[in-house]
């Protein structure tokens, strides 16, 4: 029943392909790891002596403390097991898909991918226009064409409004 409620909350984009489902599963693993760390911290605090509890800790006392510890440790190991299974499943998916290790490796430091994922070939003499996408190149082209057209119209208007220069009467 809990899984059905989760299935309703999943964005449909995560159900479009097996890879998308694997990515979603890995984000769930990340959440499980966060919960795992919380459970570890809580379990450790339950192991401390009750005299060291702060007034804001709201930790149980006596037998309740032991029972709470057992519950949290049980959940800890259940989460740990689910994390292990999910990671193994993701690795099996990567192996099955035969994804090259170079595709999974992190890019070099300082690497910035081109915008929109599509870029024009770069030449060695590029003057600071690296990592621009096709869309940016098109916008720049259209902007320069617009500037040229505006300057051409301005020049034509100035030439049309230009009065013949008065003759210089001081000519000798």
C-alpha atoms as a PDB file:
ATOM      1  CA  UNK A   1       0.000   0.000   0.000  1.00  0.00           C
ATOM      2  CA  UNK A   2       2.892   2.342   0.783  1.00  0.00           C
ATOM      3  CA  UNK A   3       4.457   1.590  -2.613  1.00  0.00           C
ATOM      4  CA  UNK A   4       1.161   2.385  -4.360  1.00  0.00           C
ATOM      5  CA  UNK A   5       1.080   5.796  -2.691  1.00  0.00           C
ATOM      6  CA  UNK A   6       4.686   6.386  -3.776  1.00  0.00           C
ATOM      7  CA  UNK A   7       3.886   5.291  -7.346  1.00  0.00           C
ATOM      8  CA  UNK A   8       1.165   7.957  -7.554  1.00  0.00           C
ATOM      9  CA  UNK A   9       3.615  10.669  -6.427  1.00  0.00           C
ATOM     10  CA  UNK A  10       6.271   9.787  -9.019  1.00  0.00           C
ATOM     11  CA  UNK A  11       6.635  12.276 -11.846  1.00  0.00           C
ATOM     12  CA  UNK A  12       5.780  10.522 -15.139  1.00  0.00           C
ATOM     13  CA  UNK A  13       9.149  11.527 -16.599  1.00  0.00           C
ATOM     14  CA  UNK A  14      10.761   8.928 -14.319  1.00  0.00           C
ATOM     15  CA  UNK A  15       8.699   6.111 -15.827  1.00  0.00           C
ATOM     16  CA  UNK A  16       9.509   6.735 -19.490  1.00  0.00           C
ATOM     17  CA  UNK A  17      12.451   4.351 -19.752  1.00  0.00           C
ATOM     18  CA  UNK A  18      14.467   1.857 -17.805  1.00  0.00           C
ATOM     19  CA  UNK A  19      17.319   4.340 -17.457  1.00  0.00           C
ATOM     20  CA  UNK A  20      14.958   6.989 -16.076  1.00  0.00           C
ATOM     21  CA  UNK A  21      13.629   4.487 -13.545  1.00  0.00           C
ATOM     22  CA  UNK A  22      17.210   3.622 -12.537  1.00  0.00           C
ATOM     23  CA  UNK A  23      18.046   7.302 -12.048  1.00  0.00           C
ATOM     24  CA  UNK A  24      14.922   7.702  -9.925  1.00  0.00           C
ATOM     25  CA  UNK A  25      15.925   4.641  -7.903  1.00  0.00           C
ATOM     26  CA  UNK A  26      19.342   6.183  -7.277  1.00  0.00           C
ATOM     27  CA  UNK A  27      17.751   9.407  -6.022  1.00  0.00           C
ATOM     28  CA  UNK A  28      15.732   7.266  -3.638  1.00  0.00           C
ATOM     29  CA  UNK A  29      18.989   5.615  -2.531  1.00  0.00           C
ATOM     30  CA  UNK A  30      20.362   9.056  -1.799  1.00  0.00           C
ATOM     31  CA  UNK A  31      17.345   9.778   0.412  1.00  0.00           C
ATOM     32  CA  UNK A  32      17.796   6.392   2.103  1.00  0.00           C
ATOM     33  CA  UNK A  33      21.430   7.216   2.842  1.00  0.00           C
ATOM     34  CA  UNK A  34      20.314  10.445   4.512  1.00  0.00           C
ATOM     35  CA  UNK A  35      17.823   8.496   6.629  1.00  0.00           C
ATOM     36  CA  UNK A  36      20.530   5.907   7.373  1.00  0.00           C
ATOM     37  CA  UNK A  37      22.841   8.590   8.752  1.00  0.00           C
ATOM     38  CA  UNK A  38      20.008   9.995  10.858  1.00  0.00           C
ATOM     39  CA  UNK A  39      19.281   6.534  12.266  1.00  0.00           C
ATOM     40  CA  UNK A  40      22.957   6.012  13.078  1.00  0.00           C
ATOM     41  CA  UNK A  41      23.119   9.317  14.951  1.00  0.00           C
ATOM     42  CA  UNK A  42      19.895   8.567  16.794  1.00  0.00           C
ATOM     43  CA  UNK A  43      21.076   5.075  17.731  1.00  0.00           C
ATOM     44  CA  UNK A  44      24.335   6.429  19.090  1.00  0.00           C
ATOM     45  CA  UNK A  45      22.491   9.007  21.164  1.00  0.00           C
ATOM     46  CA  UNK A  46      20.303   6.218  22.570  1.00  0.00           C
ATOM     47  CA  UNK A  47      23.478   4.378  23.651  1.00  0.00           C
ATOM     48  CA  UNK A  48      24.671   7.287  25.775  1.00  0.00           C
ATOM     49  CA  UNK A  49      23.997   7.429  29.468  1.00  0.00           C
ATOM     50  CA  UNK A  50      20.641   9.004  30.337  1.00  0.00           C
ATOM     51  CA  UNK A  51      22.426  11.459  32.641  1.00  0.00           C
ATOM     52  CA  UNK A  52      24.144  13.047  29.620  1.00  0.00           C
ATOM     53  CA  UNK A  53      20.871  13.754  27.801  1.00  0.00           C
ATOM     54  CA  UNK A  54      20.127  17.388  27.209  1.00  0.00           C
ATOM     55  CA  UNK A  55      16.745  18.844  28.167  1.00  0.00           C
ATOM     56  CA  UNK A  56      15.820  19.226  24.457  1.00  0.00           C
ATOM     57  CA  UNK A  57      16.780  15.683  23.407  1.00  0.00           C
ATOM     58  CA  UNK A  58      13.390  14.089  24.196  1.00  0.00           C
ATOM     59  CA  UNK A  59      14.971  10.656  24.472  1.00  0.00           C
ATOM     60  CA  UNK A  60      13.061   7.842  26.174  1.00  0.00           C
ATOM     61  CA  UNK A  61      14.134   6.556  29.588  1.00  0.00           C
ATOM     62  CA  UNK A  62      14.622   3.054  31.037  1.00  0.00           C
ATOM     63  CA  UNK A  63      13.243   0.104  29.051  1.00  0.00           C
ATOM     64  CA  UNK A  64      11.742   2.399  26.436  1.00  0.00           C
ATOM     65  CA  UNK A  65      15.255   3.529  25.574  1.00  0.00           C
ATOM     66  CA  UNK A  66      16.366  -0.059  24.869  1.00  0.00           C
ATOM     67  CA  UNK A  67      13.244  -0.777  22.823  1.00  0.00           C
ATOM     68  CA  UNK A  68      13.714   2.410  20.805  1.00  0.00           C
ATOM     69  CA  UNK A  69      17.338   1.468  20.184  1.00  0.00           C
ATOM     70  CA  UNK A  70      16.313  -1.978  18.894  1.00  0.00           C
ATOM     71  CA  UNK A  71      13.703  -0.416  16.574  1.00  0.00           C
ATOM     72  CA  UNK A  72      16.123   2.124  15.159  1.00  0.00           C
ATOM     73  CA  UNK A  73      18.912  -0.398  14.655  1.00  0.00           C
ATOM     74  CA  UNK A  74      16.454  -2.735  12.896  1.00  0.00           C
ATOM     75  CA  UNK A  75      15.378   0.065  10.558  1.00  0.00           C
ATOM     76  CA  UNK A  76      19.043   0.984  10.048  1.00  0.00           C
ATOM     77  CA  UNK A  77      19.911  -2.510   8.788  1.00  0.00           C
ATOM     78  CA  UNK A  78      16.762  -2.699   6.648  1.00  0.00           C
ATOM     79  CA  UNK A  79      17.707   0.585   4.968  1.00  0.00           C
ATOM     80  CA  UNK A  80      21.292  -0.558   4.581  1.00  0.00           C
ATOM     81  CA  UNK A  81      20.069  -3.722   2.860  1.00  0.00           C
ATOM     82  CA  UNK A  82      17.754  -1.775   0.526  1.00  0.00           C
ATOM     83  CA  UNK A  83      20.593   0.628  -0.365  1.00  0.00           C
ATOM     84  CA  UNK A  84      22.873  -2.291  -1.162  1.00  0.00           C
ATOM     85  CA  UNK A  85      20.205  -3.911  -3.355  1.00  0.00           C
ATOM     86  CA  UNK A  86      19.482  -0.683  -5.224  1.00  0.00           C
ATOM     87  CA  UNK A  87      23.146   0.006  -5.901  1.00  0.00           C
ATOM     88  CA  UNK A  88      23.675  -3.564  -7.121  1.00  0.00           C
ATOM     89  CA  UNK A  89      20.625  -3.223  -9.364  1.00  0.00           C
ATOM     90  CA  UNK A  90      21.986   0.017 -10.829  1.00  0.00           C
ATOM     91  CA  UNK A  91      25.383  -1.561 -11.439  1.00  0.00           C
ATOM     92  CA  UNK A  92      23.701  -4.524 -13.135  1.00  0.00           C
ATOM     93  CA  UNK A  93      21.781  -2.084 -15.344  1.00  0.00           C
ATOM     94  CA  UNK A  94      25.016  -0.308 -16.304  1.00  0.00           C
ATOM     95  CA  UNK A  95      26.677  -3.639 -17.114  1.00  0.00           C
ATOM     96  CA  UNK A  96      23.652  -4.820 -19.093  1.00  0.00           C
ATOM     97  CA  UNK A  97      23.537  -1.578 -21.067  1.00  0.00           C
ATOM     98  CA  UNK A  98      27.270  -1.947 -21.727  1.00  0.00           C
ATOM     99  CA  UNK A  99      27.902   1.677 -20.926  1.00  0.00           C
ATOM    100  CA  UNK A 100      31.549   2.523 -21.440  1.00  0.00           C
ATOM    101  CA  UNK A 101      33.416   3.456 -18.240  1.00  0.00           C
ATOM    102  CA  UNK A 102      34.591   6.647 -19.933  1.00  0.00           C
ATOM    103  CA  UNK A 103      30.951   7.746 -20.174  1.00  0.00           C
ATOM    104  CA  UNK A 104      30.561   7.379 -16.422  1.00  0.00           C
ATOM    105  CA  UNK A 105      33.845   9.004 -15.368  1.00  0.00           C
ATOM    106  CA  UNK A 106      33.681  12.538 -14.082  1.00  0.00           C
ATOM    107  CA  UNK A 107      34.731  15.250 -16.538  1.00  0.00           C
ATOM    108  CA  UNK A 108      38.042  17.037 -15.966  1.00  0.00           C
ATOM    109  CA  UNK A 109      38.084  19.887 -13.426  1.00  0.00           C
ATOM    110  CA  UNK A 110      36.836  23.174 -14.806  1.00  0.00           C
ATOM    111  CA  UNK A 111      34.874  21.516 -17.615  1.00  0.00           C
ATOM    112  CA  UNK A 112      31.726  23.411 -18.580  1.00  0.00           C
ATOM    113  CA  UNK A 113      29.459  21.633 -21.058  1.00  0.00           C
ATOM    114  CA  UNK A 114      28.126  23.665 -23.974  1.00  0.00           C
ATOM    115  CA  UNK A 115      24.690  25.204 -23.558  1.00  0.00           C
ATOM    116  CA  UNK A 116      21.815  23.083 -24.768  1.00  0.00           C
ATOM    117  CA  UNK A 117      24.301  20.261 -25.299  1.00  0.00           C
ATOM    118  CA  UNK A 118      25.015  21.296 -28.902  1.00  0.00           C
ATOM    119  CA  UNK A 119      27.941  23.399 -29.947  1.00  0.00           C
ATOM    120  CA  UNK A 120      29.734  24.389 -33.088  1.00  0.00           C
ATOM    121  CA  UNK A 121      33.198  23.017 -33.806  1.00  0.00           C
ATOM    122  CA  UNK A 122      35.849  25.045 -32.032  1.00  0.00           C
ATOM    123  CA  UNK A 123      38.947  26.325 -33.790  1.00  0.00           C
ATOM    124  CA  UNK A 124      42.285  26.849 -32.089  1.00  0.00           C
ATOM    125  CA  UNK A 125      42.143  30.616 -32.629  1.00  0.00           C
ATOM    126  CA  UNK A 126      38.809  31.104 -30.854  1.00  0.00           C
ATOM    127  CA  UNK A 127      38.824  34.347 -28.901  1.00  0.00           C
ATOM    128  CA  UNK A 128      36.862  33.549 -25.748  1.00  0.00           C
ATOM    129  CA  UNK A 129      33.812  32.059 -27.462  1.00  0.00           C
ATOM    130  CA  UNK A 130      34.288  28.581 -26.041  1.00  0.00           C
ATOM    131  CA  UNK A 131      31.445  26.480 -24.707  1.00  0.00           C
ATOM    132  CA  UNK A 132      28.726  28.338 -26.550  1.00  0.00           C
ATOM    133  CA  UNK A 133      25.857  26.360 -27.930  1.00  0.00           C
ATOM    134  CA  UNK A 134      24.222  26.511 -31.316  1.00  0.00           C
ATOM    135  CA  UNK A 135      21.384  28.640 -29.943  1.00  0.00           C
ATOM    136  CA  UNK A 136      23.818  31.281 -28.665  1.00  0.00           C
ATOM    137  CA  UNK A 137      25.612  31.317 -32.019  1.00  0.00           C
ATOM    138  CA  UNK A 138      22.313  31.840 -33.842  1.00  0.00           C
ATOM    139  CA  UNK A 139      21.287  34.635 -31.486  1.00  0.00           C
ATOM    140  CA  UNK A 140      24.627  36.385 -32.036  1.00  0.00           C
ATOM    141  CA  UNK A 141      24.290  36.015 -35.818  1.00  0.00           C
ATOM    142  CA  UNK A 142      20.747  37.407 -35.776  1.00  0.00           C
ATOM    143  CA  UNK A 143      21.833  40.270 -33.526  1.00  0.00           C
ATOM    144  CA  UNK A 144      24.646  41.292 -35.851  1.00  0.00           C
ATOM    145  CA  UNK A 145      22.309  41.075 -38.854  1.00  0.00           C
ATOM    146  CA  UNK A 146      19.815  43.289 -36.995  1.00  0.00           C
ATOM    147  CA  UNK A 147      22.534  45.798 -36.137  1.00  0.00           C
ATOM    148  CA  UNK A 148      23.691  45.892 -39.762  1.00  0.00           C
ATOM    149  CA  UNK A 149      20.133  46.398 -41.012  1.00  0.00           C
ATOM    150  CA  UNK A 150      19.506  49.196 -38.486  1.00  0.00           C
ATOM    151  CA  UNK A 151      22.758  50.975 -39.390  1.00  0.00           C
ATOM    152  CA  UNK A 152      21.966  50.625 -43.096  1.00  0.00           C
ATOM    153  CA  UNK A 153      18.507  52.181 -42.580  1.00  0.00           C
ATOM    154  CA  UNK A 154      20.016  54.950 -40.448  1.00  0.00           C
ATOM    155  CA  UNK A 155      22.621  55.731 -43.107  1.00  0.00           C
ATOM    156  CA  UNK A 156      19.959  55.752 -45.831  1.00  0.00           C
ATOM    157  CA  UNK A 157      17.778  58.112 -43.760  1.00  0.00           C
ATOM    158  CA  UNK A 158      20.710  60.447 -43.157  1.00  0.00           C
ATOM    159  CA  UNK A 159      21.597  60.445 -46.848  1.00  0.00           C
ATOM    160  CA  UNK A 160      17.949  61.183 -47.804  1.00  0.00           C
ATOM    161  CA  UNK A 161      17.680  64.049 -45.316  1.00  0.00           C
ATOM    162  CA  UNK A 162      21.090  65.425 -46.103  1.00  0.00           C
ATOM    163  CA  UNK A 163      20.873  68.865 -47.624  1.00  0.00           C
ATOM    164  CA  UNK A 164      23.373  69.845 -50.238  1.00  0.00           C
ATOM    165  CA  UNK A 165      26.204  71.601 -48.544  1.00  0.00           C
ATOM    166  CA  UNK A 166      26.025  75.340 -49.012  1.00  0.00           C
ATOM    167  CA  UNK A 167      28.733  76.563 -51.282  1.00  0.00           C
ATOM    168  CA  UNK A 168      31.509  78.236 -49.516  1.00  0.00           C
ATOM    169  CA  UNK A 169      31.456  81.893 -50.539  1.00  0.00           C
ATOM    170  CA  UNK A 170      34.924  82.484 -49.245  1.00  0.00           C
ATOM    171  CA  UNK A 171      36.493  80.697 -52.123  1.00  0.00           C
ATOM    172  CA  UNK A 172      39.144  82.816 -53.745  1.00  0.00           C
END
